Structure formats: C-alpha cells, structure tokens
All heavy atoms as atom14 arrays in JSON, in Angstrom:
{
  "sequence": "GKRMTFGKGGEASLTQWMADNALVCWIERSEPWNLESQLISQLNLPLN",
  "atom14_mask": [
    [1, 1, 1, 1, 0, 0, 0, 0, 0, 0, 0, 0, 0, 0],
    [1, 1, 1, 1, 1, 1, 1, 1, 1, 0, 0, 0, 0, 0],
    [1, 1, 1, 1, 1, 1, 1, 1, 1, 1, 1, 0, 0, 0],
    [1, 1, 1, 1, 1, 1, 1, 1, 0, 0, 0, 0, 0, 0],
    [1, 1, 1, 1, 1, 1, 1, 0, 0, 0, 0, 0, 0, 0],
    [1, 1, 1, 1, 1, 1, 1, 1, 1, 1, 1, 0, 0, 0],
    [1, 1, 1, 1, 0, 0, 0, 0, 0, 0, 0, 0, 0, 0],
    [1, 1, 1, 1, 1, 1, 1, 1, 1, 0, 0, 0, 0, 0],
    [1, 1, 1, 1, 0, 0, 0, 0, 0, 0, 0, 0, 0, 0],
    [1, 1, 1, 1, 0, 0, 0, 0, 0, 0, 0, 0, 0, 0],
    [1, 1, 1, 1, 1, 1, 1, 1, 1, 0, 0, 0, 0, 0],
    [1, 1, 1, 1, 1, 0, 0, 0, 0, 0, 0, 0, 0, 0],
    [1, 1, 1, 1, 1, 1, 0, 0, 0, 0, 0, 0, 0, 0],
    [1, 1, 1, 1, 1, 1, 1, 1, 0, 0, 0, 0, 0, 0],
    [1, 1, 1, 1, 1, 1, 1, 0, 0, 0, 0, 0, 0, 0],
    [1, 1, 1, 1, 1, 1, 1, 1, 1, 0, 0, 0, 0, 0],
    [1, 1, 1, 1, 1, 1, 1, 1, 1, 1, 1, 1, 1, 1],
    [1, 1, 1, 1, 1, 1, 1, 1, 0, 0, 0, 0, 0, 0],
    [1, 1, 1, 1, 1, 0, 0, 0, 0, 0, 0, 0, 0, 0],
    [1, 1, 1, 1, 1, 1, 1, 1, 0, 0, 0, 0, 0, 0],
    [1, 1, 1, 1, 1, 1, 1, 1, 0, 0, 0, 0, 0, 0],
    [1, 1, 1, 1, 1, 0, 0, 0, 0, 0, 0, 0, 0, 0],
    [1, 1, 1, 1, 1, 1, 1, 1, 0, 0, 0, 0, 0, 0],
    [1, 1, 1, 1, 1, 1, 1, 0, 0, 0, 0, 0, 0, 0],
    [1, 1, 1, 1, 1, 1, 0, 0, 0, 0, 0, 0, 0, 0],
    [1, 1, 1, 1, 1, 1, 1, 1, 1, 1, 1, 1, 1, 1],
    [1, 1, 1, 1, 1, 1, 1, 1, 0, 0, 0, 0, 0, 0],
    [1, 1, 1, 1, 1, 1, 1, 1, 1, 0, 0, 0, 0, 0],
    [1, 1, 1, 1, 1, 1, 1, 1, 1, 1, 1, 0, 0, 0],
    [1, 1, 1, 1, 1, 1, 0, 0, 0, 0, 0, 0, 0, 0],
    [1, 1, 1, 1, 1, 1, 1, 1, 1, 0, 0, 0, 0, 0],
    [1, 1, 1, 1, 1, 1, 1, 0, 0, 0, 0, 0, 0, 0],
    [1, 1, 1, 1, 1, 1, 1, 1, 1, 1, 1, 1, 1, 1],
    [1, 1, 1, 1, 1, 1, 1, 1, 0, 0, 0, 0, 0, 0],
    [1, 1, 1, 1, 1, 1, 1, 1, 0, 0, 0, 0, 0, 0],
    [1, 1, 1, 1, 1, 1, 1, 1, 1, 0, 0, 0, 0, 0],
    [1, 1, 1, 1, 1, 1, 0, 0, 0, 0, 0, 0, 0, 0],
    [1, 1, 1, 1, 1, 1, 1, 1, 1, 0, 0, 0, 0, 0],
    [1, 1, 1, 1, 1, 1, 1, 1, 0, 0, 0, 0, 0, 0],
    [1, 1, 1, 1, 1, 1, 1, 1, 0, 0, 0, 0, 0, 0],
    [1, 1, 1, 1, 1, 1, 0, 0, 0, 0, 0, 0, 0, 0],
    [1, 1, 1, 1, 1, 1, 1, 1, 1, 0, 0, 0, 0, 0],
    [1, 1, 1, 1, 1, 1, 1, 1, 0, 0, 0, 0, 0, 0],
    [1, 1, 1, 1, 1, 1, 1, 1, 0, 0, 0, 0, 0, 0],
    [1, 1, 1, 1, 1, 1, 1, 1, 0, 0, 0, 0, 0, 0],
    [1, 1, 1, 1, 1, 1, 1, 0, 0, 0, 0, 0, 0, 0],
    [1, 1, 1, 1, 1, 1, 1, 1, 0, 0, 0, 0, 0, 0],
    [1, 1, 1, 1, 1, 1, 1, 1, 0, 0, 0, 0, 0, 0]
  ],
  "atom14_positions": [
    [[0.8, -1.22, 0.0], [0.0, 0.0, 0.0], [0.83, 1.27, 0.0], [0.3, 2.36, -0.11], [0.0, 0.0, 0.0], [0.0, 0.0, 0.0], [0.0, 0.0, 0.0], [0.0, 0.0, 0.0], [0.0, 0.0, 0.0], [0.0, 0.0, 0.0], [0.0, 0.0, 0.0], [0.0, 0.0, 0.0], [0.0, 0.0, 0.0], [0.0, 0.0, 0.0]],
    [[2.14, 1.13, 0.11], [3.01, 2.31, 0.12], [3.36, 2.78, -1.3], [3.59, 3.96, -1.52], [4.29, 2.02, 0.9], [4.03, 1.79, 2.37], [5.31, 1.5, 3.13], [5.0, 1.22, 4.59], [6.21, 0.94, 5.35], [0.0, 0.0, 0.0], [0.0, 0.0, 0.0], [0.0, 0.0, 0.0], [0.0, 0.0, 0.0], [0.0, 0.0, 0.0]],
    [[3.42, 1.85, -2.23], [3.76, 2.19, -3.62], [2.49, 2.46, -4.42], [1.45, 1.85, -4.16], [4.54, 1.05, -4.27], [5.89, 0.83, -3.64], [6.63, -0.4, -4.17], [6.62, -0.5, -5.62], [5.96, -1.45, -6.31], [5.27, -2.38, -5.7], [5.99, -1.47, -7.61], [0.0, 0.0, 0.0], [0.0, 0.0, 0.0], [0.0, 0.0, 0.0]],
    [[2.59, 3.34, -5.4], [1.45, 3.64, -6.27], [1.87, 3.46, -7.72], [2.88, 3.98, -8.16], [0.97, 5.07, -6.05], [0.38, 5.31, -4.7], [-0.31, 6.97, -4.58], [-0.66, 7.05, -2.84], [0.0, 0.0, 0.0], [0.0, 0.0, 0.0], [0.0, 0.0, 0.0], [0.0, 0.0, 0.0], [0.0, 0.0, 0.0], [0.0, 0.0, 0.0]],
    [[1.07, 2.66, -8.43], [1.3, 2.44, -9.85], [-0.05, 2.49, -10.57], [-1.08, 2.68, -9.94], [1.95, 1.06, -10.13], [0.98, 0.04, -9.97], [3.15, 0.8, -9.23], [0.0, 0.0, 0.0], [0.0, 0.0, 0.0], [0.0, 0.0, 0.0], [0.0, 0.0, 0.0], [0.0, 0.0, 0.0], [0.0, 0.0, 0.0], [0.0, 0.0, 0.0]],
    [[-0.02, 2.28, -11.85], [-1.26, 2.22, -12.63], [-1.75, 0.78, -12.78], [-2.59, 0.5, -13.63], [-1.05, 2.88, -13.99], [-0.71, 4.34, -13.87], [0.54, 4.81, -14.19], [-1.66, 5.25, -13.4], [0.86, 6.15, -14.05], [-1.36, 6.59, -13.25], [-0.09, 7.04, -13.58], [0.0, 0.0, 0.0], [0.0, 0.0, 0.0], [0.0, 0.0, 0.0]],
    [[-1.24, -0.13, -11.96], [-1.63, -1.53, -12.04], [-1.03, -2.18, -13.28], [-0.48, -1.51, -14.16], [0.0, 0.0, 0.0], [0.0, 0.0, 0.0], [0.0, 0.0, 0.0], [0.0, 0.0, 0.0], [0.0, 0.0, 0.0], [0.0, 0.0, 0.0], [0.0, 0.0, 0.0], [0.0, 0.0, 0.0], [0.0, 0.0, 0.0], [0.0, 0.0, 0.0]],
    [[-1.11, -3.48, -13.34], [-0.5, -4.22, -14.46], [-1.03, -3.77, -15.81], [-0.27, -3.51, -16.73], [-0.69, -5.72, -14.28], [0.11, -6.28, -13.13], [-0.13, -7.75, -12.94], [0.64, -8.24, -11.72], [0.36, -9.62, -11.4], [0.0, 0.0, 0.0], [0.0, 0.0, 0.0], [0.0, 0.0, 0.0], [0.0, 0.0, 0.0], [0.0, 0.0, 0.0]],
    [[-2.34, -3.66, -15.92], [-2.93, -3.26, -17.2], [-2.61, -1.82, -17.57], [-2.29, -1.53, -18.72], [0.0, 0.0, 0.0], [0.0, 0.0, 0.0], [0.0, 0.0, 0.0], [0.0, 0.0, 0.0], [0.0, 0.0, 0.0], [0.0, 0.0, 0.0], [0.0, 0.0, 0.0], [0.0, 0.0, 0.0], [0.0, 0.0, 0.0], [0.0, 0.0, 0.0]],
    [[-2.7, -0.94, -16.6], [-2.4, 0.47, -16.86], [-0.95, 0.7, -17.21], [-0.63, 1.46, -18.13], [0.0, 0.0, 0.0], [0.0, 0.0, 0.0], [0.0, 0.0, 0.0], [0.0, 0.0, 0.0], [0.0, 0.0, 0.0], [0.0, 0.0, 0.0], [0.0, 0.0, 0.0], [0.0, 0.0, 0.0], [0.0, 0.0, 0.0], [0.0, 0.0, 0.0]],
    [[-0.06, 0.02, -16.5], [1.37, 0.16, -16.8], [1.68, -0.4, -18.18], [2.48, 0.17, -18.93], [2.23, -0.52, -15.73], [2.18, 0.13, -14.36], [2.83, 1.5, -14.27], [3.56, 1.91, -15.2], [2.6, 2.18, -13.25], [0.0, 0.0, 0.0], [0.0, 0.0, 0.0], [0.0, 0.0, 0.0], [0.0, 0.0, 0.0], [0.0, 0.0, 0.0]],
    [[1.04, -1.51, -18.54], [1.24, -2.08, -19.88], [0.74, -1.12, -20.95], [1.4, -0.92, -21.98], [0.54, -3.44, -19.99], [0.0, 0.0, 0.0], [0.0, 0.0, 0.0], [0.0, 0.0, 0.0], [0.0, 0.0, 0.0], [0.0, 0.0, 0.0], [0.0, 0.0, 0.0], [0.0, 0.0, 0.0], [0.0, 0.0, 0.0], [0.0, 0.0, 0.0]],
    [[-0.42, -0.52, -20.71], [-0.96, 0.47, -21.68], [-0.02, 1.66, -21.81], [0.22, 2.16, -22.91], [-2.33, 0.97, -21.22], [-3.27, -0.07, -21.25], [0.0, 0.0, 0.0], [0.0, 0.0, 0.0], [0.0, 0.0, 0.0], [0.0, 0.0, 0.0], [0.0, 0.0, 0.0], [0.0, 0.0, 0.0], [0.0, 0.0, 0.0], [0.0, 0.0, 0.0]],
    [[0.51, 2.11, -20.67], [1.44, 3.24, -20.69], [2.72, 2.89, -21.43], [3.24, 3.68, -22.23], [1.74, 3.71, -19.27], [2.69, 4.89, -19.13], [2.22, 6.08, -19.94], [2.83, 5.26, -17.65], [0.0, 0.0, 0.0], [0.0, 0.0, 0.0], [0.0, 0.0, 0.0], [0.0, 0.0, 0.0], [0.0, 0.0, 0.0], [0.0, 0.0, 0.0]],
    [[3.23, 1.7, -21.19], [4.43, 1.25, -21.9], [4.2, 1.26, -23.41], [5.05, 1.72, -24.18], [4.86, -0.15, -21.42], [5.21, -0.05, -20.03], [6.04, -0.7, -22.21], [0.0, 0.0, 0.0], [0.0, 0.0, 0.0], [0.0, 0.0, 0.0], [0.0, 0.0, 0.0], [0.0, 0.0, 0.0], [0.0, 0.0, 0.0], [0.0, 0.0, 0.0]],
    [[3.05, 0.76, -23.83], [2.74, 0.74, -25.26], [2.6, 2.15, -25.8], [3.08, 2.47, -26.89], [1.47, -0.07, -25.53], [1.19, -0.25, -27.01], [2.32, -0.97, -27.73], [2.69, -2.07, -27.35], [2.87, -0.35, -28.77], [0.0, 0.0, 0.0], [0.0, 0.0, 0.0], [0.0, 0.0, 0.0], [0.0, 0.0, 0.0], [0.0, 0.0, 0.0]],
    [[1.92, 3.03, -25.05], [1.76, 4.41, -25.48], [3.12, 5.07, -25.65], [3.37, 5.77, -26.64], [0.9, 5.2, -24.48], [0.61, 6.58, -24.95], [-0.46, 6.98, -25.67], [1.43, 7.75, -24.78], [-0.36, 8.34, -25.95], [0.79, 8.83, -25.41], [2.65, 7.98, -24.15], [1.32, 10.11, -25.43], [3.19, 9.27, -24.17], [2.52, 10.3, -24.81]],
    [[4.02, 4.83, -24.7], [5.37, 5.41, -24.8], [6.12, 4.84, -26.0], [6.83, 5.58, -26.7], [6.14, 5.18, -23.5], [5.59, 6.01, -22.35], [6.43, 5.68, -20.78], [8.05, 6.4, -21.12], [0.0, 0.0, 0.0], [0.0, 0.0, 0.0], [0.0, 0.0, 0.0], [0.0, 0.0, 0.0], [0.0, 0.0, 0.0], [0.0, 0.0, 0.0]],
    [[5.99, 3.55, -26.25], [6.66, 2.95, -27.41], [6.17, 3.58, -28.7], [6.95, 3.79, -29.64], [6.43, 1.44, -27.43], [0.0, 0.0, 0.0], [0.0, 0.0, 0.0], [0.0, 0.0, 0.0], [0.0, 0.0, 0.0], [0.0, 0.0, 0.0], [0.0, 0.0, 0.0], [0.0, 0.0, 0.0], [0.0, 0.0, 0.0], [0.0, 0.0, 0.0]],
    [[4.89, 3.92, -28.75], [4.31, 4.5, -29.95], [4.55, 6.01, -30.08], [4.54, 6.54, -31.19], [2.79, 4.27, -29.97], [2.42, 2.81, -30.1], [3.27, 2.0, -30.52], [1.26, 2.47, -29.75], [0.0, 0.0, 0.0], [0.0, 0.0, 0.0], [0.0, 0.0, 0.0], [0.0, 0.0, 0.0], [0.0, 0.0, 0.0], [0.0, 0.0, 0.0]],
    [[4.74, 6.7, -28.96], [4.72, 8.17, -28.99], [5.9, 8.9, -28.37], [6.05, 10.1, -28.6], [3.45, 8.66, -28.26], [2.2, 8.21, -28.95], [1.82, 8.72, -29.97], [1.56, 7.18, -28.39], [0.0, 0.0, 0.0], [0.0, 0.0, 0.0], [0.0, 0.0, 0.0], [0.0, 0.0, 0.0], [0.0, 0.0, 0.0], [0.0, 0.0, 0.0]],
    [[6.7, 8.24, -27.57], [7.78, 8.94, -26.87], [9.14, 8.54, -27.43], [9.44, 7.35, -27.57], [7.72, 8.62, -25.38], [0.0, 0.0, 0.0], [0.0, 0.0, 0.0], [0.0, 0.0, 0.0], [0.0, 0.0, 0.0], [0.0, 0.0, 0.0], [0.0, 0.0, 0.0], [0.0, 0.0, 0.0], [0.0, 0.0, 0.0], [0.0, 0.0, 0.0]],
    [[9.93, 9.52, -27.73], [11.28, 9.29, -28.25], [12.3, 9.86, -27.28], [12.02, 10.84, -26.59], [11.45, 9.95, -29.61], [10.49, 9.5, -30.71], [10.69, 10.34, -31.96], [10.71, 8.02, -31.01], [0.0, 0.0, 0.0], [0.0, 0.0, 0.0], [0.0, 0.0, 0.0], [0.0, 0.0, 0.0], [0.0, 0.0, 0.0], [0.0, 0.0, 0.0]],
    [[13.47, 9.28, -27.25], [14.54, 9.74, -26.37], [15.77, 10.05, -27.2], [16.1, 9.32, -28.13], [14.91, 8.64, -25.34], [16.1, 9.06, -24.5], [13.72, 8.32, -24.45], [0.0, 0.0, 0.0], [0.0, 0.0, 0.0], [0.0, 0.0, 0.0], [0.0, 0.0, 0.0], [0.0, 0.0, 0.0], [0.0, 0.0, 0.0], [0.0, 0.0, 0.0]],
    [[16.42, 11.13, -26.86], [17.72, 11.44, -27.46], [18.57, 12.1, -26.39], [18.07, 12.55, -25.36], [17.57, 12.34, -28.69], [16.94, 13.98, -28.33], [0.0, 0.0, 0.0], [0.0, 0.0, 0.0], [0.0, 0.0, 0.0], [0.0, 0.0, 0.0], [0.0, 0.0, 0.0], [0.0, 0.0, 0.0], [0.0, 0.0, 0.0], [0.0, 0.0, 0.0]],
    [[19.87, 12.15, -26.62], [20.75, 12.77, -25.64], [22.03, 13.22, -26.32], [22.32, 12.83, -27.45], [21.07, 11.81, -24.48], [21.81, 10.58, -24.89], [23.15, 10.42, -25.05], [21.22, 9.33, -25.21], [23.44, 9.15, -25.44], [22.27, 8.45, -25.55], [19.91, 8.85, -25.26], [22.05, 7.13, -25.9], [19.7, 7.54, -25.61], [20.76, 6.69, -25.92]],
    [[22.73, 14.05, -25.59], [24.06, 14.46, -26.01], [25.0, 14.22, -24.83], [24.58, 14.29, -23.67], [24.13, 15.94, -26.46], [23.68, 16.86, -25.34], [23.31, 16.16, -27.7], [23.9, 18.33, -25.64], [0.0, 0.0, 0.0], [0.0, 0.0, 0.0], [0.0, 0.0, 0.0], [0.0, 0.0, 0.0], [0.0, 0.0, 0.0], [0.0, 0.0, 0.0]],
    [[26.24, 13.91, -25.13], [27.21, 13.65, -24.07], [27.79, 14.98, -23.58], [28.16, 15.84, -24.38], [28.34, 12.76, -24.58], [27.87, 11.35, -24.86], [29.02, 10.43, -25.23], [30.12, 10.57, -24.65], [28.81, 9.59, -26.12], [0.0, 0.0, 0.0], [0.0, 0.0, 0.0], [0.0, 0.0, 0.0], [0.0, 0.0, 0.0], [0.0, 0.0, 0.0]],
    [[27.83, 15.15, -22.28], [28.42, 16.32, -21.64], [29.18, 15.87, -20.41], [28.73, 14.97, -19.7], [27.33, 17.31, -21.21], [26.5, 17.89, -22.33], [27.3, 18.8, -23.23], [27.62, 20.05, -22.58], [27.2, 21.23, -22.97], [26.41, 21.31, -24.03], [27.54, 22.31, -22.33], [0.0, 0.0, 0.0], [0.0, 0.0, 0.0], [0.0, 0.0, 0.0]],
    [[30.3, 16.51, -20.13], [31.07, 16.13, -18.94], [30.35, 16.53, -17.66], [30.49, 15.88, -16.63], [32.47, 16.74, -18.99], [32.37, 18.15, -19.05], [0.0, 0.0, 0.0], [0.0, 0.0, 0.0], [0.0, 0.0, 0.0], [0.0, 0.0, 0.0], [0.0, 0.0, 0.0], [0.0, 0.0, 0.0], [0.0, 0.0, 0.0], [0.0, 0.0, 0.0]],
    [[29.57, 17.62, -17.69], [28.8, 18.07, -16.53], [27.35, 18.33, -16.96], [26.91, 19.47, -17.08], [29.42, 19.33, -15.94], [30.82, 19.11, -15.39], [31.45, 20.37, -14.83], [31.02, 21.48, -15.18], [32.38, 20.22, -14.04], [0.0, 0.0, 0.0], [0.0, 0.0, 0.0], [0.0, 0.0, 0.0], [0.0, 0.0, 0.0], [0.0, 0.0, 0.0]],
    [[26.6, 17.25, -17.21], [25.26, 17.41, -17.77], [24.3, 18.19, -16.89], [23.35, 18.79, -17.38], [24.79, 15.96, -17.95], [25.64, 15.15, -17.05], [26.95, 15.86, -16.95], [0.0, 0.0, 0.0], [0.0, 0.0, 0.0], [0.0, 0.0, 0.0], [0.0, 0.0, 0.0], [0.0, 0.0, 0.0], [0.0, 0.0, 0.0], [0.0, 0.0, 0.0]],
    [[24.51, 18.21, -15.59], [23.62, 18.94, -14.69], [23.62, 20.43, -14.98], [22.62, 21.09, -14.79], [23.99, 18.66, -13.23], [25.44, 18.86, -12.94], [26.07, 20.04, -12.59], [26.46, 17.87, -13.01], [27.41, 19.83, -12.45], [27.69, 18.51, -12.69], [26.46, 16.52, -13.31], [28.9, 17.82, -12.66], [27.66, 15.85, -13.27], [28.87, 16.49, -12.96]],
    [[24.72, 20.96, -15.48], [24.75, 22.38, -15.85], [23.84, 22.65, -17.05], [23.09, 23.61, -17.06], [26.18, 22.83, -16.16], [27.06, 22.85, -14.93], [26.58, 23.05, -13.82], [28.34, 22.62, -15.13], [0.0, 0.0, 0.0], [0.0, 0.0, 0.0], [0.0, 0.0, 0.0], [0.0, 0.0, 0.0], [0.0, 0.0, 0.0], [0.0, 0.0, 0.0]],
    [[23.91, 21.79, -18.04], [23.07, 21.94, -19.22], [21.6, 21.73, -18.86], [20.73, 22.45, -19.33], [23.49, 20.99, -20.32], [22.68, 21.05, -21.62], [22.75, 22.44, -22.24], [23.16, 19.99, -22.59], [0.0, 0.0, 0.0], [0.0, 0.0, 0.0], [0.0, 0.0, 0.0], [0.0, 0.0, 0.0], [0.0, 0.0, 0.0], [0.0, 0.0, 0.0]],
    [[21.33, 20.76, -18.0], [19.95, 20.49, -17.6], [19.31, 21.72, -16.98], [18.21, 22.13, -17.37], [19.91, 19.33, -16.61], [18.49, 19.0, -16.16], [18.43, 17.85, -15.17], [19.48, 17.49, -14.59], [17.33, 17.34, -14.96], [0.0, 0.0, 0.0], [0.0, 0.0, 0.0], [0.0, 0.0, 0.0], [0.0, 0.0, 0.0], [0.0, 0.0, 0.0]],
    [[19.98, 22.35, -16.04], [19.44, 23.55, -15.4], [19.22, 24.66, -16.42], [18.21, 25.37, -16.38], [20.39, 24.03, -14.3], [20.47, 23.08, -13.28], [0.0, 0.0, 0.0], [0.0, 0.0, 0.0], [0.0, 0.0, 0.0], [0.0, 0.0, 0.0], [0.0, 0.0, 0.0], [0.0, 0.0, 0.0], [0.0, 0.0, 0.0], [0.0, 0.0, 0.0]],
    [[20.15, 24.81, -17.32], [20.05, 25.84, -18.35], [18.85, 25.58, -19.27], [18.07, 26.48, -19.56], [21.34, 25.89, -19.17], [21.33, 26.92, -20.26], [22.62, 26.86, -21.09], [23.54, 26.12, -20.8], [22.65, 27.65, -22.13], [0.0, 0.0, 0.0], [0.0, 0.0, 0.0], [0.0, 0.0, 0.0], [0.0, 0.0, 0.0], [0.0, 0.0, 0.0]],
    [[18.68, 24.34, -19.71], [17.58, 24.0, -20.6], [16.22, 24.19, -19.91], [15.29, 24.72, -20.51], [17.72, 22.57, -21.11], [18.87, 22.31, -22.07], [19.01, 20.83, -22.36], [18.72, 23.11, -23.34], [0.0, 0.0, 0.0], [0.0, 0.0, 0.0], [0.0, 0.0, 0.0], [0.0, 0.0, 0.0], [0.0, 0.0, 0.0], [0.0, 0.0, 0.0]],
    [[16.13, 23.77, -18.66], [14.87, 23.92, -17.94], [14.51, 25.38, -17.79], [13.34, 25.75, -17.9], [14.95, 23.21, -16.56], [14.99, 21.7, -16.76], [13.76, 23.6, -15.68], [15.3, 20.91, -15.5], [0.0, 0.0, 0.0], [0.0, 0.0, 0.0], [0.0, 0.0, 0.0], [0.0, 0.0, 0.0], [0.0, 0.0, 0.0], [0.0, 0.0, 0.0]],
    [[15.49, 26.23, -17.57], [15.19, 27.65, -17.4], [14.86, 28.36, -18.71], [14.15, 29.36, -18.72], [16.36, 28.36, -16.7], [17.47, 28.45, -17.56], [0.0, 0.0, 0.0], [0.0, 0.0, 0.0], [0.0, 0.0, 0.0], [0.0, 0.0, 0.0], [0.0, 0.0, 0.0], [0.0, 0.0, 0.0], [0.0, 0.0, 0.0], [0.0, 0.0, 0.0]],
    [[15.34, 27.83, -19.84], [15.19, 28.54, -21.11], [14.13, 27.96, -22.05], [13.63, 28.67, -22.91], [16.53, 28.58, -21.85], [17.56, 29.42, -21.12], [18.91, 29.39, -21.83], [19.09, 28.71, -22.82], [19.85, 30.13, -21.29], [0.0, 0.0, 0.0], [0.0, 0.0, 0.0], [0.0, 0.0, 0.0], [0.0, 0.0, 0.0], [0.0, 0.0, 0.0]],
    [[13.81, 26.7, -21.89], [12.87, 26.06, -22.81], [11.52, 25.83, -22.14], [11.41, 25.8, -20.92], [13.43, 24.72, -23.3], [14.74, 24.77, -24.08], [15.21, 23.37, -24.4], [14.59, 25.6, -25.33], [0.0, 0.0, 0.0], [0.0, 0.0, 0.0], [0.0, 0.0, 0.0], [0.0, 0.0, 0.0], [0.0, 0.0, 0.0], [0.0, 0.0, 0.0]],
    [[10.51, 25.62, -22.94], [9.2, 25.27, -22.43], [9.14, 23.75, -22.28], [8.92, 23.04, -23.26], [8.1, 25.77, -23.37], [6.72, 25.46, -22.85], [6.53, 25.19, -21.67], [5.75, 25.48, -23.74], [0.0, 0.0, 0.0], [0.0, 0.0, 0.0], [0.0, 0.0, 0.0], [0.0, 0.0, 0.0], [0.0, 0.0, 0.0], [0.0, 0.0, 0.0]],
    [[9.37, 23.27, -21.06], [9.4, 21.83, -20.78], [8.29, 21.53, -19.76], [8.54, 21.36, -18.57], [10.77, 21.43, -20.23], [11.95, 21.76, -21.15], [13.27, 21.54, -20.44], [11.87, 20.94, -22.42], [0.0, 0.0, 0.0], [0.0, 0.0, 0.0], [0.0, 0.0, 0.0], [0.0, 0.0, 0.0], [0.0, 0.0, 0.0], [0.0, 0.0, 0.0]],
    [[7.05, 21.46, -20.22], [5.91, 21.4, -19.3], [5.83, 20.14, -18.44], [5.19, 20.16, -17.39], [4.7, 21.49, -20.23], [5.2, 21.0, -21.54], [6.64, 21.43, -21.61], [0.0, 0.0, 0.0], [0.0, 0.0, 0.0], [0.0, 0.0, 0.0], [0.0, 0.0, 0.0], [0.0, 0.0, 0.0], [0.0, 0.0, 0.0], [0.0, 0.0, 0.0]],
    [[6.46, 19.05, -18.84], [6.36, 17.83, -18.05], [7.4, 17.76, -16.94], [7.36, 16.88, -16.09], [6.49, 16.59, -18.94], [5.47, 16.47, -20.06], [5.64, 15.14, -20.78], [4.06, 16.63, -19.54], [0.0, 0.0, 0.0], [0.0, 0.0, 0.0], [0.0, 0.0, 0.0], [0.0, 0.0, 0.0], [0.0, 0.0, 0.0], [0.0, 0.0, 0.0]],
    [[8.34, 18.68, -16.94], [9.39, 18.69, -15.93], [8.96, 19.58, -14.77], [8.73, 20.77, -14.94], [10.69, 19.23, -16.55], [11.89, 18.84, -15.73], [12.44, 17.78, -15.95], [12.25, 19.67, -14.78], [0.0, 0.0, 0.0], [0.0, 0.0, 0.0], [0.0, 0.0, 0.0], [0.0, 0.0, 0.0], [0.0, 0.0, 0.0], [0.0, 0.0, 0.0]]
  ]
}
C-alpha cells in the first residue's frame, strides 16, 4: 500500500503508449547537470 502504480494493465498500456509516442535522445556532456538547469530555465518543458 506504500507504492502507487497504474496496475499491471495500466502500466502495460502506458508502456505501449510510450513505445508509440515517446522518443529519447541525448548528447554527451562532462557536466550534464549544468546543461539540464540551463535548458529547464530557457525552454518550455511542461512535463518537468
């Protein structure tokens, strides 16, 4: 009761939705936390 998820079916649906709709990309940086803070402050990142 301490953990919260969308249940087996909901998590499976979410996994499929992400496979169909979510893409990931990245760039290598020696200090990525600096770039992360900069991007969050300058871009419209509504899910963050």
